[in-house]
N, C-alpha and C. Protein backbone atom coordinates (compact mmCIF):
# COMPACT_ATOMS: atom_id res chain seq x y z
N MET A 1 92.07 200.28 39.70
CA MET A 1 91.40 200.56 39.12
C MET A 1 91.70 201.40 37.70
N THR A 2 90.71 200.90 36.81
CA THR A 2 91.21 201.29 35.51
C THR A 2 90.45 202.38 35.01
N ASN A 3 91.21 203.23 34.55
CA ASN A 3 91.57 204.64 33.93
C ASN A 3 90.85 204.46 32.34
N ILE A 4 89.39 205.15 31.67
CA ILE A 4 88.83 205.04 30.78
C ILE A 4 89.05 206.25 30.63
N LYS A 5 88.90 207.59 29.19
CA LYS A 5 88.94 208.40 28.74
C LYS A 5 89.43 208.46 26.92
N ASN A 6 88.34 209.15 26.71
CA ASN A 6 88.29 208.73 25.07
C ASN A 6 89.18 209.86 24.86
N ILE A 7 89.13 209.74 23.69
CA ILE A 7 90.83 210.38 22.94
C ILE A 7 90.30 211.95 22.46
N TYR A 8 89.18 211.64 22.00
CA TYR A 8 88.54 212.04 20.56
C TYR A 8 87.50 213.26 21.26
N ASP A 9 87.04 212.93 22.45
CA ASP A 9 86.01 213.83 23.03
C ASP A 9 87.41 214.88 23.09
N GLU A 10 86.01 215.90 23.52
CA GLU A 10 86.68 217.64 24.04
C GLU A 10 86.58 217.62 25.35
N LEU A 11 86.92 217.23 26.20
CA LEU A 11 86.42 217.35 28.08
C LEU A 11 87.71 216.14 27.99
N GLY A 12 87.96 217.58 28.88
CA GLY A 12 89.63 217.54 29.98
C GLY A 12 90.87 217.78 28.92
N TRP A 13 90.62 218.92 28.70
CA TRP A 13 91.72 220.27 27.31
C TRP A 13 92.12 220.94 27.63
N GLU A 14 93.05 221.23 28.37
CA GLU A 14 93.35 222.72 28.82
C GLU A 14 94.86 223.26 28.30
N GLU A 15 94.27 224.58 28.44
CA GLU A 15 95.74 225.18 28.07
C GLU A 15 97.79 224.71 28.41
N ALA A 16 98.41 224.67 27.23
CA ALA A 16 99.76 223.78 27.60
C ALA A 16 100.44 224.40 28.09
N SER A 17 100.96 224.77 29.28
CA SER A 17 101.95 225.60 30.06
C SER A 17 102.88 224.90 29.74
N GLY A 18 103.59 226.42 29.48
CA GLY A 18 105.28 226.00 28.77
C GLY A 18 105.56 225.62 27.54
N TYR A 19 104.35 225.89 26.64
CA TYR A 19 104.51 225.63 24.93
C TYR A 19 103.29 226.87 24.52
N GLN A 20 104.12 227.40 23.40
CA GLN A 20 103.39 228.48 22.56
C GLN A 20 102.27 228.52 22.70
N VAL A 21 101.56 229.50 23.00
CA VAL A 21 100.16 229.78 22.74
C VAL A 21 99.54 229.51 21.85
N GLY A 22 98.04 228.36 22.52
CA GLY A 22 97.46 227.98 21.79
C GLY A 22 97.68 226.07 21.84
N THR A 23 98.76 225.59 21.79
CA THR A 23 98.57 224.73 22.31
C THR A 23 98.32 224.10 23.35
N ARG A 24 96.94 222.91 23.23
CA ARG A 24 96.17 222.86 23.89
C ARG A 24 97.13 220.66 24.31
N MET A 25 96.55 220.34 25.95
CA MET A 25 96.85 220.14 26.21
C MET A 25 96.18 218.50 26.83
N LYS A 26 95.95 217.06 26.75
CA LYS A 26 95.03 216.21 27.86
C LYS A 26 95.69 215.02 28.68
N THR A 27 95.81 215.26 29.53
CA THR A 27 96.75 214.33 30.41
C THR A 27 95.64 213.20 29.87
N LEU A 28 95.86 211.67 29.90
CA LEU A 28 95.57 210.76 30.57
C LEU A 28 96.57 210.27 31.57
N ARG A 29 96.83 210.34 31.61
CA ARG A 29 98.22 209.46 32.46
C ARG A 29 99.44 210.82 33.26
N ASP A 30 99.39 210.48 34.66
CA ASP A 30 100.27 210.74 35.92
C ASP A 30 100.53 211.07 36.58
N GLU A 31 101.19 209.98 37.43
CA GLU A 31 101.46 209.20 38.13
C GLU A 31 103.16 208.70 38.31
N GLY A 32 103.67 209.18 39.50
CA GLY A 32 105.27 208.18 39.76
C GLY A 32 106.02 208.27 38.52
N GLY A 33 106.53 209.44 38.76
CA GLY A 33 107.14 210.06 37.34
C GLY A 33 106.68 209.48 35.52
N PHE A 34 105.87 209.17 35.44
CA PHE A 34 105.41 208.66 34.31
C PHE A 34 104.06 209.66 33.88
N LYS A 35 103.74 210.37 32.91
CA LYS A 35 103.35 210.95 32.24
C LYS A 35 103.26 210.55 30.69
N THR A 36 101.46 210.70 30.72
CA THR A 36 101.19 210.64 28.95
C THR A 36 99.97 211.48 28.51
N VAL A 37 100.21 212.05 27.58
CA VAL A 37 98.92 213.92 26.95
C VAL A 37 98.69 213.17 25.96
N LEU A 38 97.57 213.55 25.56
CA LEU A 38 97.58 214.38 24.11
C LEU A 38 97.74 215.68 23.66
N LEU A 39 98.65 215.94 22.70
CA LEU A 39 99.51 216.91 22.31
C LEU A 39 98.69 218.02 21.51
N LYS A 40 97.98 219.40 21.17
CA LYS A 40 97.75 219.23 19.90
C LYS A 40 98.45 220.58 19.80
N LEU A 41 99.54 220.74 18.56
CA LEU A 41 99.67 221.67 18.29
C LEU A 41 99.50 222.31 17.36
N PRO A 42 98.57 223.45 17.69
CA PRO A 42 98.43 225.17 17.10
C PRO A 42 99.10 225.04 14.73
N LYS A 43 98.65 225.43 14.29
CA LYS A 43 99.41 225.80 13.32
C LYS A 43 100.20 227.01 13.40
N GLY A 44 101.52 226.68 12.99
CA GLY A 44 101.96 227.64 13.69
C GLY A 44 103.11 227.33 14.78
N PHE A 45 102.85 226.16 14.53
CA PHE A 45 103.19 226.00 15.92
C PHE A 45 105.56 225.97 15.77
N HIS A 46 105.85 226.04 16.86
CA HIS A 46 107.75 226.14 17.20
C HIS A 46 107.54 226.16 18.44
N MET A 47 108.48 225.56 18.73
CA MET A 47 108.96 225.47 20.07
C MET A 47 110.84 225.09 19.75
N ASP A 48 111.94 225.57 20.65
CA ASP A 48 113.24 225.15 20.87
C ASP A 48 113.22 223.91 20.78
N SER A 49 114.71 224.34 20.95
CA SER A 49 115.46 222.81 20.96
C SER A 49 115.32 222.23 23.27
N HIS A 50 115.53 221.50 23.23
CA HIS A 50 115.23 221.15 24.56
C HIS A 50 116.08 219.46 25.01
N THR A 51 115.83 219.30 26.81
CA THR A 51 116.37 217.72 26.95
C THR A 51 115.36 218.22 28.08
N HIS A 52 115.12 216.74 27.87
CA HIS A 52 114.25 216.34 29.08
C HIS A 52 114.69 215.22 30.69
N ILE A 53 114.40 214.79 31.18
CA ILE A 53 115.44 214.08 32.25
C ILE A 53 114.54 212.79 31.99
N TYR A 54 113.53 212.68 31.62
CA TYR A 54 112.43 211.81 31.58
C TYR A 54 113.25 211.33 29.76
N ASN A 55 112.50 210.03 29.53
CA ASN A 55 112.59 209.65 27.78
C ASN A 55 111.32 210.32 27.85
N GLU A 56 110.82 210.40 26.69
CA GLU A 56 110.04 210.65 26.15
C GLU A 56 109.87 209.59 24.58
N GLN A 57 108.58 209.66 24.36
CA GLN A 57 108.02 208.82 23.06
C GLN A 57 106.86 210.01 22.16
N HIS A 58 106.95 209.70 20.89
CA HIS A 58 106.35 210.71 19.96
C HIS A 58 105.23 209.29 19.77
N ILE A 59 104.16 209.93 19.20
CA ILE A 59 103.51 208.95 18.46
C ILE A 59 102.47 210.19 17.24
N VAL A 60 102.81 210.23 16.64
CA VAL A 60 101.66 211.02 15.59
C VAL A 60 100.59 210.82 15.02
N LEU A 61 99.24 211.18 15.49
CA LEU A 61 98.20 210.44 15.75
C LEU A 61 97.11 211.50 14.07
N GLU A 62 97.93 212.61 14.00
CA GLU A 62 96.64 213.21 13.14
C GLU A 62 97.97 214.78 12.86
N GLY A 63 98.10 215.04 11.33
CA GLY A 63 98.54 216.08 11.27
C GLY A 63 100.52 215.53 10.77
N GLU A 64 101.40 216.73 10.92
CA GLU A 64 102.52 217.06 10.94
C GLU A 64 103.66 217.29 11.94
N TYR A 65 104.43 217.24 11.93
CA TYR A 65 105.53 217.72 12.68
C TYR A 65 106.75 217.77 11.89
N GLU A 66 107.80 219.17 12.22
CA GLU A 66 109.10 218.52 11.76
C GLU A 66 110.30 219.16 12.68
N SER A 67 111.06 218.70 12.99
CA SER A 67 111.99 218.68 13.68
C SER A 67 113.46 217.90 13.09
N GLU A 68 113.89 218.16 13.76
CA GLU A 68 115.71 217.97 13.18
C GLU A 68 116.03 217.87 11.91
N GLY A 69 115.42 218.37 11.39
CA GLY A 69 115.16 218.46 9.50
C GLY A 69 114.36 216.96 9.33
N VAL A 70 113.60 216.69 9.31
CA VAL A 70 112.90 214.91 9.35
C VAL A 70 111.05 215.22 9.26
N THR A 71 110.24 215.72 8.60
CA THR A 71 109.03 215.33 8.47
C THR A 71 108.44 214.09 9.19
N PHE A 72 107.46 214.49 10.34
CA PHE A 72 107.01 213.24 11.31
C PHE A 72 105.65 213.80 11.13
N ASN A 73 104.96 212.78 10.37
CA ASN A 73 103.65 212.06 9.63
C ASN A 73 102.49 211.43 10.56
N SER A 74 101.29 211.80 9.91
CA SER A 74 100.44 211.01 11.09
C SER A 74 100.64 209.71 10.83
N GLY A 75 101.05 208.91 12.16
CA GLY A 75 101.76 207.21 12.16
C GLY A 75 102.95 206.98 12.91
N ALA A 76 102.84 207.96 12.50
CA ALA A 76 104.88 207.54 12.89
C ALA A 76 105.57 207.90 13.84
N TYR A 77 106.04 207.55 15.00
CA TYR A 77 106.78 206.75 16.24
C TYR A 77 108.02 207.36 16.52
N ARG A 78 108.23 207.90 17.42
CA ARG A 78 109.50 208.51 17.95
C ARG A 78 109.95 208.67 19.50
N PHE A 79 111.34 207.45 19.49
CA PHE A 79 111.57 207.93 20.33
C PHE A 79 112.71 208.67 20.69
N ILE A 80 113.15 209.42 22.15
CA ILE A 80 113.82 210.48 22.56
C ILE A 80 114.35 209.71 24.20
N PRO A 81 115.94 209.54 23.95
CA PRO A 81 116.67 209.20 24.69
C PRO A 81 115.92 210.58 26.20
N ALA A 82 116.45 210.35 27.41
CA ALA A 82 116.60 210.84 28.47
C ALA A 82 117.76 211.65 27.81
N HIS A 83 117.86 213.39 28.17
CA HIS A 83 119.22 213.90 28.54
C HIS A 83 119.96 213.79 27.30
N LYS A 84 119.13 213.67 25.84
CA LYS A 84 118.93 214.13 24.83
C LYS A 84 118.98 214.89 23.71
N ASN A 85 119.01 215.97 23.93
CA ASN A 85 118.76 217.25 22.59
C ASN A 85 117.83 216.90 21.81
N HIS A 86 116.45 217.61 21.76
CA HIS A 86 116.15 217.48 20.14
C HIS A 86 115.36 218.55 20.34
N GLY A 87 114.76 218.67 18.96
CA GLY A 87 114.15 219.92 18.51
C GLY A 87 115.56 220.62 17.56
N PRO A 88 114.37 222.01 17.52
CA PRO A 88 113.66 222.64 17.45
C PRO A 88 112.64 222.71 16.63
N PHE A 89 111.26 221.92 16.88
CA PHE A 89 109.76 221.56 16.74
C PHE A 89 108.73 223.04 15.97
N THR A 90 108.55 222.32 14.12
CA THR A 90 108.02 222.96 13.99
C THR A 90 106.36 222.36 13.75
N SER A 91 105.01 223.17 13.06
CA SER A 91 104.35 222.46 12.60
C SER A 91 103.47 223.33 11.73
N LYS A 92 103.76 223.74 10.94
CA LYS A 92 102.85 224.72 9.65
C LYS A 92 101.00 224.06 10.04
N ALA A 93 100.48 223.23 10.04
CA ALA A 93 99.07 223.23 9.88
C ALA A 93 99.13 222.08 10.83
N GLY A 94 99.29 222.30 11.92
CA GLY A 94 99.48 221.80 13.63
C GLY A 94 99.16 220.46 13.06
N ALA A 95 98.92 219.45 14.95
CA ALA A 95 99.48 218.36 14.87
C ALA A 95 98.68 217.83 16.04
N VAL A 96 98.43 216.81 16.10
CA VAL A 96 98.23 216.27 17.20
C VAL A 96 98.98 214.66 17.86
N LEU A 97 99.14 214.58 19.25
CA LEU A 97 100.83 214.13 19.24
C LEU A 97 99.91 213.45 20.85
N LEU A 98 100.03 211.87 20.91
CA LEU A 98 100.11 211.14 22.11
C LEU A 98 101.69 211.57 22.79
N VAL A 99 102.05 211.96 24.11
CA VAL A 99 103.52 212.18 24.31
C VAL A 99 103.54 211.72 25.28
N ILE A 100 104.31 210.39 25.74
CA ILE A 100 104.58 209.63 26.68
C ILE A 100 105.57 210.07 27.83
N TRP A 101 106.11 210.07 28.32
CA TRP A 101 106.99 210.52 29.40
C TRP A 101 107.69 209.58 30.33
N ASP A 102 108.01 208.71 30.51
CA ASP A 102 109.06 208.10 31.26
C ASP A 102 110.19 207.63 32.03
N LYS A 103 110.36 207.68 33.74
CA LYS A 103 111.36 208.15 34.07
C LYS A 103 112.31 206.81 34.05
N MET A 104 113.33 207.12 34.19
CA MET A 104 114.98 205.98 33.78
C MET A 104 114.70 205.56 34.45
N LYS A 105 115.17 203.91 34.93
CA LYS A 105 115.25 202.65 36.22
C LYS A 105 116.75 202.85 36.17
């Protein structure tokens, strides 16, 4: 079955638990250890360093964020291997990210 969602509409956005208040998430896929979400970071966003058991990918769709001394602007792609500490993250003006977590084989 094909699952079609519009990434630009306002349907399906929820508060992102585990993130700073005001952070919103729209889940596009969540099955078998694979998860794809849109993540809206609010102005003044901050998140401490952390790690995951999954590989993580970011594509910045709008805005920008900073992490580990690097600014990731609109259009940037970032791959973070599983078990690698990453962050902290900040976003002065906010951003929209496509985030993909995939389990290791």
